[in-house]
Amino acid sequence: MDNVEEDDTSPDSPGRMSFLDHLDELRRRILYAVYSVLAAGLVSFAFIGKILDEVTAPMIAVLPTGSLLGTEALDPIMVYFKAGLLVAVMIASPLIMLQVWYFVAPGLYSKEKKLAIPFVMASSTLFLGGAYFGHRVAFRVTWDFLNQFAPGWMAWTPTASSVFSLYLKMVLGLGLIFQMPVVIFVLAKFGIVTARFLIKNFKYAVLIIFIVAAVASPGQDPFSQLLFAAPMLVLYGISIIVAWVFGKKKPPESEES
């Protein structure tokens, strides 16, 4: 008698969705993610004053004038909008990650679909951790570094728009970089990468990481590059463990006598 547990050993109808079906599913997930951000925006904009106080404190602390420069009529509105949107994305991050899970889940086994809650919790925590690192450490160090280059004969008063753009790129960028273990988890589940592959190509990964750090950091000094590269190196090491634990296992060959 054949004993086949389809619920645990096969994906749920992986071939039934056409390319257009996948695109439609992606569109739905993106719309749900946008709706969650809009809903979270109602909460963030209710506390926008306190949010701006927290965000702008490190920006104006190093400036001689103690203020940022506004040159356009819409600058105040744009600052409010960018700060509120950033916090809204953070609040909605668990729901956004849930939509990501729903999109990739049809290609997983039934047993693997039970990892939905750990996936959402881990990815949300990593995103918020990366964003907090960008806000509390990376941006402040970068901003202090840039301020040191302002000569005494220059009235250095950066525009609010440019500073907030830099701040958003660093905070959201590091939040996405911290998703490396989650991305490796998905790739390992589909058998695209393995722990052995990641270990074998470790030296190339280190090279790429330091290239990214050199581009992202404000200067060419080793300290700034290390500030960006260190978290990525740690995350790569964690990703190797994730790929080893959760990687796609080869099904045992049936023994025929």
C-alpha atoms as a PDB file:
ATOM      1  CA  MET A   1       0.000   0.000   0.000  1.00  0.00           C
ATOM      2  CA  ASP A   2       1.220   3.465  -0.831  1.00  0.00           C
ATOM      3  CA  ASN A   3       1.393   5.888   2.037  1.00  0.00           C
ATOM      4  CA  VAL A   4       1.640   9.414   0.643  1.00  0.00           C
ATOM      5  CA  GLU A   5       1.042  12.401   2.915  1.00  0.00           C
ATOM      6  CA  GLU A   6       0.448  15.120   0.391  1.00  0.00           C
ATOM      7  CA  ASP A   7      -0.317  17.685   3.083  1.00  0.00           C
ATOM      8  CA  ASP A   8       3.195  17.460   4.470  1.00  0.00           C
ATOM      9  CA  THR A   9       5.390  16.557   1.520  1.00  0.00           C
ATOM     10  CA  SER A  10       4.102  18.518  -1.455  1.00  0.00           C
ATOM     11  CA  PRO A  11       3.327  22.158  -2.136  1.00  0.00           C
ATOM     12  CA  ASP A  12      -0.302  23.129  -2.479  1.00  0.00           C
ATOM     13  CA  SER A  13      -0.955  22.956  -6.221  1.00  0.00           C
ATOM     14  CA  PRO A  14       2.221  24.781  -7.315  1.00  0.00           C
ATOM     15  CA  GLY A  15       1.374  24.484 -10.992  1.00  0.00           C
ATOM     16  CA  ARG A  16      -2.184  25.792 -10.938  1.00  0.00           C
ATOM     17  CA  MET A  17      -1.279  29.486 -10.864  1.00  0.00           C
ATOM     18  CA  SER A  18      -0.394  31.018 -14.214  1.00  0.00           C
ATOM     19  CA  PHE A  19       1.989  33.941 -14.671  1.00  0.00           C
ATOM     20  CA  LEU A  20      -0.945  36.353 -14.798  1.00  0.00           C
ATOM     21  CA  ASP A  21      -2.337  34.789 -11.619  1.00  0.00           C
ATOM     22  CA  HIS A  22       0.974  35.465  -9.886  1.00  0.00           C
ATOM     23  CA  LEU A  23       0.913  39.072 -11.074  1.00  0.00           C
ATOM     24  CA  ASP A  24      -2.639  39.495  -9.829  1.00  0.00           C
ATOM     25  CA  GLU A  25      -1.678  37.984  -6.474  1.00  0.00           C
ATOM     26  CA  LEU A  26       1.308  40.339  -6.253  1.00  0.00           C
ATOM     27  CA  ARG A  27      -0.949  43.301  -7.013  1.00  0.00           C
ATOM     28  CA  ARG A  28      -3.353  42.281  -4.246  1.00  0.00           C
ATOM     29  CA  ARG A  29      -0.574  41.884  -1.695  1.00  0.00           C
ATOM     30  CA  ILE A  30       0.899  45.269  -2.579  1.00  0.00           C
ATOM     31  CA  LEU A  31      -2.529  46.898  -2.243  1.00  0.00           C
ATOM     32  CA  TYR A  32      -3.073  45.308   1.179  1.00  0.00           C
ATOM     33  CA  ALA A  33       0.379  46.504   2.264  1.00  0.00           C
ATOM     34  CA  VAL A  34      -0.431  50.043   1.081  1.00  0.00           C
ATOM     35  CA  TYR A  35      -3.757  49.975   2.937  1.00  0.00           C
ATOM     36  CA  SER A  36      -1.980  48.923   6.142  1.00  0.00           C
ATOM     37  CA  VAL A  37       0.502  51.803   5.780  1.00  0.00           C
ATOM     38  CA  LEU A  38      -2.337  54.277   5.232  1.00  0.00           C
ATOM     39  CA  ALA A  39      -4.116  53.002   8.337  1.00  0.00           C
ATOM     40  CA  ALA A  40      -0.904  53.212  10.369  1.00  0.00           C
ATOM     41  CA  GLY A  41      -0.438  56.741   9.045  1.00  0.00           C
ATOM     42  CA  LEU A  42      -3.507  57.846  11.006  1.00  0.00           C
ATOM     43  CA  VAL A  43      -1.695  56.821  14.182  1.00  0.00           C
ATOM     44  CA  SER A  44       1.687  58.260  13.250  1.00  0.00           C
ATOM     45  CA  PHE A  45       0.336  61.649  12.201  1.00  0.00           C
ATOM     46  CA  ALA A  46      -1.520  61.902  15.509  1.00  0.00           C
ATOM     47  CA  PHE A  47       1.883  62.015  17.218  1.00  0.00           C
ATOM     48  CA  ILE A  48       3.803  63.821  14.471  1.00  0.00           C
ATOM     49  CA  GLY A  49       5.026  66.555  16.835  1.00  0.00           C
ATOM     50  CA  LYS A  50       6.811  64.146  19.156  1.00  0.00           C
ATOM     51  CA  ILE A  51       8.088  62.154  16.183  1.00  0.00           C
ATOM     52  CA  LEU A  52       9.664  65.247  14.622  1.00  0.00           C
ATOM     53  CA  ASP A  53      11.261  66.217  17.943  1.00  0.00           C
ATOM     54  CA  GLU A  54      12.930  62.800  18.132  1.00  0.00           C
ATOM     55  CA  VAL A  55      14.011  62.763  14.478  1.00  0.00           C
ATOM     56  CA  THR A  56      15.297  66.332  14.230  1.00  0.00           C
ATOM     57  CA  ALA A  57      17.176  66.377  17.550  1.00  0.00           C
ATOM     58  CA  PRO A  58      20.394  64.833  16.141  1.00  0.00           C
ATOM     59  CA  MET A  59      20.039  66.862  12.932  1.00  0.00           C
ATOM     60  CA  ILE A  60      20.099  70.302  14.534  1.00  0.00           C
ATOM     61  CA  ALA A  61      22.365  69.447  17.470  1.00  0.00           C
ATOM     62  CA  VAL A  62      25.565  69.829  15.421  1.00  0.00           C
ATOM     63  CA  LEU A  63      24.480  72.852  13.358  1.00  0.00           C
ATOM     64  CA  PRO A  64      25.770  76.298  14.409  1.00  0.00           C
ATOM     65  CA  THR A  65      22.414  77.884  13.616  1.00  0.00           C
ATOM     66  CA  GLY A  66      20.456  75.194  15.458  1.00  0.00           C
ATOM     67  CA  SER A  67      17.990  74.872  12.597  1.00  0.00           C
ATOM     68  CA  LEU A  68      17.583  73.450   9.111  1.00  0.00           C
ATOM     69  CA  LEU A  69      16.998  75.608   6.066  1.00  0.00           C
ATOM     70  CA  GLY A  70      13.702  75.638   4.192  1.00  0.00           C
ATOM     71  CA  THR A  71      13.910  76.936   0.627  1.00  0.00           C
ATOM     72  CA  GLU A  72      10.623  75.786  -0.897  1.00  0.00           C
ATOM     73  CA  ALA A  73       7.027  76.571   0.019  1.00  0.00           C
ATOM     74  CA  LEU A  74       6.207  72.890   0.502  1.00  0.00           C
ATOM     75  CA  ASP A  75       9.269  72.046   2.628  1.00  0.00           C
ATOM     76  CA  PRO A  76       7.399  72.057   5.994  1.00  0.00           C
ATOM     77  CA  ILE A  77       4.643  69.835   4.612  1.00  0.00           C
ATOM     78  CA  MET A  78       7.144  67.447   3.023  1.00  0.00           C
ATOM     79  CA  VAL A  79       9.060  67.103   6.293  1.00  0.00           C
ATOM     80  CA  TYR A  80       5.850  66.235   8.130  1.00  0.00           C
ATOM     81  CA  PHE A  81       4.898  63.808   5.377  1.00  0.00           C
ATOM     82  CA  LYS A  82       8.269  62.001   5.263  1.00  0.00           C
ATOM     83  CA  ALA A  83       8.504  61.627   9.040  1.00  0.00           C
ATOM     84  CA  GLY A  84       4.898  60.428   9.344  1.00  0.00           C
ATOM     85  CA  LEU A  85       5.275  57.998   6.449  1.00  0.00           C
ATOM     86  CA  LEU A  86       8.450  56.518   7.928  1.00  0.00           C
ATOM     87  CA  VAL A  87       6.779  55.805  11.264  1.00  0.00           C
ATOM     88  CA  ALA A  88       3.679  54.476   9.486  1.00  0.00           C
ATOM     89  CA  VAL A  89       5.824  51.939   7.612  1.00  0.00           C
ATOM     90  CA  MET A  90       7.377  50.834  10.900  1.00  0.00           C
ATOM     91  CA  ILE A  91       4.004  50.437  12.589  1.00  0.00           C
ATOM     92  CA  ALA A  92       2.619  48.503   9.625  1.00  0.00           C
ATOM     93  CA  SER A  93       5.744  46.362   9.145  1.00  0.00           C
ATOM     94  CA  PRO A  94       4.174  43.177  10.646  1.00  0.00           C
ATOM     95  CA  LEU A  95       1.226  43.453   8.243  1.00  0.00           C
ATOM     96  CA  ILE A  96       3.552  44.169   5.328  1.00  0.00           C
ATOM     97  CA  MET A  97       5.647  41.095   6.167  1.00  0.00           C
ATOM     98  CA  LEU A  98       2.449  39.058   6.451  1.00  0.00           C
ATOM     99  CA  GLN A  99       1.574  40.002   2.871  1.00  0.00           C
ATOM    100  CA  VAL A 100       5.047  38.910   1.777  1.00  0.00           C
ATOM    101  CA  TRP A 101       4.441  35.564   3.483  1.00  0.00           C
ATOM    102  CA  TYR A 102       1.063  35.122   1.811  1.00  0.00           C
ATOM    103  CA  PHE A 103       2.706  35.716  -1.560  1.00  0.00           C
ATOM    104  CA  VAL A 104       5.448  33.086  -1.133  1.00  0.00           C
ATOM    105  CA  ALA A 105       3.405  30.588   0.917  1.00  0.00           C
ATOM    106  CA  PRO A 106       1.733  28.799  -2.065  1.00  0.00           C
ATOM    107  CA  GLY A 107       5.133  27.431  -3.067  1.00  0.00           C
ATOM    108  CA  LEU A 108       5.845  25.972   0.374  1.00  0.00           C
ATOM    109  CA  TYR A 109       4.936  22.642   1.940  1.00  0.00           C
ATOM    110  CA  SER A 110       2.094  22.434   4.415  1.00  0.00           C
ATOM    111  CA  LYS A 111       4.483  21.888   7.316  1.00  0.00           C
ATOM    112  CA  GLU A 112       6.460  24.954   6.299  1.00  0.00           C
ATOM    113  CA  LYS A 113       3.347  27.117   6.228  1.00  0.00           C
ATOM    114  CA  LYS A 114       3.172  26.750   9.993  1.00  0.00           C
ATOM    115  CA  LEU A 115       6.190  29.064  10.127  1.00  0.00           C
ATOM    116  CA  ALA A 116       4.026  32.066   9.213  1.00  0.00           C
ATOM    117  CA  ILE A 117       4.035  33.614  12.702  1.00  0.00           C
ATOM    118  CA  PRO A 118       7.800  33.102  13.287  1.00  0.00           C
ATOM    119  CA  PHE A 119       8.480  34.514   9.803  1.00  0.00           C
ATOM    120  CA  VAL A 120       6.399  37.643  10.405  1.00  0.00           C
ATOM    121  CA  MET A 121       7.844  38.174  13.881  1.00  0.00           C
ATOM    122  CA  ALA A 122      11.437  37.639  12.768  1.00  0.00           C
ATOM    123  CA  SER A 123      11.207  39.802   9.638  1.00  0.00           C
ATOM    124  CA  SER A 124       9.403  42.614  11.480  1.00  0.00           C
ATOM    125  CA  THR A 125      11.884  42.534  14.345  1.00  0.00           C
ATOM    126  CA  LEU A 126      14.841  42.593  11.963  1.00  0.00           C
ATOM    127  CA  PHE A 127      13.356  45.483   9.988  1.00  0.00           C
ATOM    128  CA  LEU A 128      12.667  47.521  13.110  1.00  0.00           C
ATOM    129  CA  GLY A 129      16.100  46.624  14.493  1.00  0.00           C
ATOM    130  CA  GLY A 130      17.806  47.805  11.308  1.00  0.00           C
ATOM    131  CA  ALA A 131      15.748  51.010  11.249  1.00  0.00           C
ATOM    132  CA  TYR A 132      16.580  51.691  14.903  1.00  0.00           C
ATOM    133  CA  PHE A 133      20.282  51.099  14.215  1.00  0.00           C
ATOM    134  CA  GLY A 134      20.065  53.558  11.322  1.00  0.00           C
ATOM    135  CA  HIS A 135      18.271  56.147  13.470  1.00  0.00           C
ATOM    136  CA  ARG A 136      20.227  55.811  16.685  1.00  0.00           C
ATOM    137  CA  VAL A 137      23.731  54.968  15.419  1.00  0.00           C
ATOM    138  CA  ALA A 138      24.422  55.128  11.679  1.00  0.00           C
ATOM    139  CA  PHE A 139      22.724  58.447  10.880  1.00  0.00           C
ATOM    140  CA  ARG A 140      24.123  60.243  13.913  1.00  0.00           C
ATOM    141  CA  VAL A 141      27.666  59.071  13.229  1.00  0.00           C
ATOM    142  CA  THR A 142      27.312  59.988   9.552  1.00  0.00           C
ATOM    143  CA  TRP A 143      25.838  63.391  10.360  1.00  0.00           C
ATOM    144  CA  ASP A 144      28.605  64.197  12.837  1.00  0.00           C
ATOM    145  CA  PHE A 145      31.158  63.067  10.252  1.00  0.00           C
ATOM    146  CA  LEU A 146      29.703  65.355   7.559  1.00  0.00           C
ATOM    147  CA  ASN A 147      29.590  68.279   9.990  1.00  0.00           C
ATOM    148  CA  GLN A 148      33.324  67.968  10.643  1.00  0.00           C
ATOM    149  CA  PHE A 149      34.013  68.892   7.012  1.00  0.00           C
ATOM    150  CA  ALA A 150      32.188  72.230   7.249  1.00  0.00           C
ATOM    151  CA  PRO A 151      34.909  74.942   7.263  1.00  0.00           C
ATOM    152  CA  GLY A 152      34.661  77.929   9.559  1.00  0.00           C
ATOM    153  CA  TRP A 153      34.245  80.353   6.655  1.00  0.00           C
ATOM    154  CA  MET A 154      31.140  78.501   5.360  1.00  0.00           C
ATOM    155  CA  ALA A 155      27.686  79.096   6.821  1.00  0.00           C
ATOM    156  CA  TRP A 156      26.674  75.452   6.536  1.00  0.00           C
ATOM    157  CA  THR A 157      22.893  75.273   6.832  1.00  0.00           C
ATOM    158  CA  PRO A 158      21.616  72.155   5.028  1.00  0.00           C
ATOM    159  CA  THR A 159      18.090  72.174   3.679  1.00  0.00           C
ATOM    160  CA  ALA A 160      15.477  70.222   5.564  1.00  0.00           C
ATOM    161  CA  SER A 161      14.526  68.317   2.406  1.00  0.00           C
ATOM    162  CA  SER A 162      18.060  67.048   1.723  1.00  0.00           C
ATOM    163  CA  VAL A 163      18.671  66.056   5.346  1.00  0.00           C
ATOM    164  CA  PHE A 164      15.404  64.143   5.625  1.00  0.00           C
ATOM    165  CA  SER A 165      16.094  62.399   2.323  1.00  0.00           C
ATOM    166  CA  LEU A 166      19.459  61.226   3.670  1.00  0.00           C
ATOM    167  CA  TYR A 167      17.830  60.175   6.943  1.00  0.00           C
ATOM    168  CA  LEU A 168      15.084  58.183   5.188  1.00  0.00           C
ATOM    169  CA  LYS A 169      17.549  56.423   2.891  1.00  0.00           C
ATOM    170  CA  MET A 170      19.737  55.342   5.800  1.00  0.00           C
ATOM    171  CA  VAL A 171      16.930  54.229   8.119  1.00  0.00           C
ATOM    172  CA  LEU A 172      14.906  52.367   5.487  1.00  0.00           C
ATOM    173  CA  GLY A 173      18.047  51.089   3.768  1.00  0.00           C
ATOM    174  CA  LEU A 174      19.397  49.515   6.937  1.00  0.00           C
ATOM    175  CA  GLY A 175      15.935  48.151   7.725  1.00  0.00           C
ATOM    176  CA  LEU A 176      15.983  46.355   4.371  1.00  0.00           C
ATOM    177  CA  ILE A 177      19.600  45.224   4.791  1.00  0.00           C
ATOM    178  CA  PHE A 178      18.623  43.572   8.077  1.00  0.00           C
ATOM    179  CA  GLN A 179      16.207  41.401   6.083  1.00  0.00           C
ATOM    180  CA  MET A 180      19.141  39.362   4.765  1.00  0.00           C
ATOM    181  CA  PRO A 181      18.417  36.291   6.983  1.00  0.00           C
ATOM    182  CA  VAL A 182      14.750  36.360   5.925  1.00  0.00           C
ATOM    183  CA  VAL A 183      15.665  36.497   2.229  1.00  0.00           C
ATOM    184  CA  ILE A 184      18.091  33.611   2.716  1.00  0.00           C
ATOM    185  CA  PHE A 185      15.347  31.701   4.552  1.00  0.00           C
ATOM    186  CA  VAL A 186      13.025  31.981   1.533  1.00  0.00           C
ATOM    187  CA  LEU A 187      15.787  31.145  -0.960  1.00  0.00           C
ATOM    188  CA  ALA A 188      16.889  28.164   1.118  1.00  0.00           C
ATOM    189  CA  LYS A 189      13.319  26.891   1.369  1.00  0.00           C
ATOM    190  CA  PHE A 190      13.067  26.868  -2.416  1.00  0.00           C
ATOM    191  CA  GLY A 191      16.475  25.208  -2.731  1.00  0.00           C
ATOM    192  CA  ILE A 192      18.057  28.193  -4.492  1.00  0.00           C
ATOM    193  CA  VAL A 193      20.872  28.609  -1.968  1.00  0.00           C
ATOM    194  CA  THR A 194      22.404  26.318   0.638  1.00  0.00           C
ATOM    195  CA  ALA A 195      24.587  26.820   3.674  1.00  0.00           C
ATOM    196  CA  ARG A 196      27.453  25.158   1.825  1.00  0.00           C
ATOM    197  CA  PHE A 197      27.078  27.641  -1.049  1.00  0.00           C
ATOM    198  CA  LEU A 198      27.135  30.601   1.351  1.00  0.00           C
ATOM    199  CA  ILE A 199      30.223  29.300   3.152  1.00  0.00           C
ATOM    200  CA  LYS A 200      32.014  28.495  -0.096  1.00  0.00           C
ATOM    201  CA  ASN A 201      31.429  32.037  -1.410  1.00  0.00           C
ATOM    202  CA  PHE A 202      32.121  33.788   1.888  1.00  0.00           C
ATOM    203  CA  LYS A 203      35.160  35.677   0.569  1.00  0.00           C
ATOM    204  CA  TYR A 204      33.142  37.060  -2.339  1.00  0.00           C
ATOM    205  CA  ALA A 205      30.352  38.023   0.048  1.00  0.00           C
ATOM    206  CA  VAL A 206      32.830  39.937   2.223  1.00  0.00           C
ATOM    207  CA  LEU A 207      34.096  41.799  -0.845  1.00  0.00           C
ATOM    208  CA  ILE A 208      30.569  42.728  -1.923  1.00  0.00           C
ATOM    209  CA  ILE A 209      29.660  43.787   1.627  1.00  0.00           C
ATOM    210  CA  PHE A 210      32.613  46.161   1.865  1.00  0.00           C
ATOM    211  CA  ILE A 211      31.874  47.578  -1.582  1.00  0.00           C
ATOM    212  CA  VAL A 212      28.303  48.298  -0.474  1.00  0.00           C
ATOM    213  CA  ALA A 213      29.633  49.783   2.777  1.00  0.00           C
ATOM    214  CA  ALA A 214      32.068  52.006   0.872  1.00  0.00           C
ATOM    215  CA  VAL A 215      29.247  53.332  -1.297  1.00  0.00           C
ATOM    216  CA  ALA A 216      26.806  53.790   1.583  1.00  0.00           C
ATOM    217  CA  SER A 217      29.227  55.341   4.067  1.00  0.00           C
ATOM    218  CA  PRO A 218      29.862  59.112   3.924  1.00  0.00           C
ATOM    219  CA  GLY A 219      33.640  58.878   3.526  1.00  0.00           C
ATOM    220  CA  GLN A 220      36.515  56.580   2.721  1.00  0.00           C
ATOM    221  CA  ASP A 221      37.777  56.229   6.284  1.00  0.00           C
ATOM    222  CA  PRO A 222      37.868  52.665   7.659  1.00  0.00           C
ATOM    223  CA  PHE A 223      35.676  53.540  10.653  1.00  0.00           C
ATOM    224  CA  SER A 224      32.717  54.677   8.561  1.00  0.00           C
ATOM    225  CA  GLN A 225      32.954  51.656   6.287  1.00  0.00           C
ATOM    226  CA  LEU A 226      33.176  49.302   9.249  1.00  0.00           C
ATOM    227  CA  LEU A 227      30.081  50.926  10.754  1.00  0.00           C
ATOM    228  CA  PHE A 228      28.069  49.802   7.735  1.00  0.00           C
ATOM    229  CA  ALA A 229      29.902  46.551   7.004  1.00  0.00           C
ATOM    230  CA  ALA A 230      29.866  45.068  10.524  1.00  0.00           C
ATOM    231  CA  PRO A 231      26.072  44.500  10.722  1.00  0.00           C
ATOM    232  CA  MET A 232      26.057  42.974   7.233  1.00  0.00           C
ATOM    233  CA  LEU A 233      28.863  40.563   8.142  1.00  0.00           C
ATOM    234  CA  VAL A 234      26.991  39.479  11.274  1.00  0.00           C
ATOM    235  CA  LEU A 235      23.780  39.057   9.283  1.00  0.00           C
ATOM    236  CA  TYR A 236      25.607  36.970   6.677  1.00  0.00           C
ATOM    237  CA  GLY A 237      26.813  34.656   9.426  1.00  0.00           C
ATOM    238  CA  ILE A 238      23.263  34.376  10.765  1.00  0.00           C
ATOM    239  CA  SER A 239      22.052  33.698   7.221  1.00  0.00           C
ATOM    240  CA  ILE A 240      24.405  30.707   6.952  1.00  0.00           C
ATOM    241  CA  ILE A 241      22.849  29.221  10.097  1.00  0.00           C
ATOM    242  CA  VAL A 242      19.338  29.947   8.748  1.00  0.00           C
ATOM    243  CA  ALA A 243      20.144  28.207   5.455  1.00  0.00           C
ATOM    244  CA  TRP A 244      21.580  25.214   7.298  1.00  0.00           C
ATOM    245  CA  VAL A 245      18.568  24.829   9.624  1.00  0.00           C
ATOM    246  CA  PHE A 246      15.751  25.648   7.208  1.00  0.00           C
ATOM    247  CA  GLY A 247      17.276  24.677   3.863  1.00  0.00           C
ATOM    248  CA  LYS A 248      15.361  22.419   1.513  1.00  0.00           C
ATOM    249  CA  LYS A 249      16.116  18.825   2.382  1.00  0.00           C
ATOM    250  CA  LYS A 250      16.481  16.250  -0.332  1.00  0.00           C
ATOM    251  CA  PRO A 251      13.740  13.625  -0.049  1.00  0.00           C
ATOM    252  CA  PRO A 252      15.079  10.196   0.914  1.00  0.00           C
ATOM    253  CA  GLU A 253      15.342   7.865  -2.033  1.00  0.00           C
ATOM    254  CA  SER A 254      12.822   5.063  -1.984  1.00  0.00           C
ATOM    255  CA  GLU A 255      14.371   1.733  -1.315  1.00  0.00           C
ATOM    256  CA  GLU A 256      13.383  -0.888  -3.832  1.00  0.00           C
ATOM    257  CA  SER A 257      14.238  -4.464  -3.146  1.00  0.00           C
END
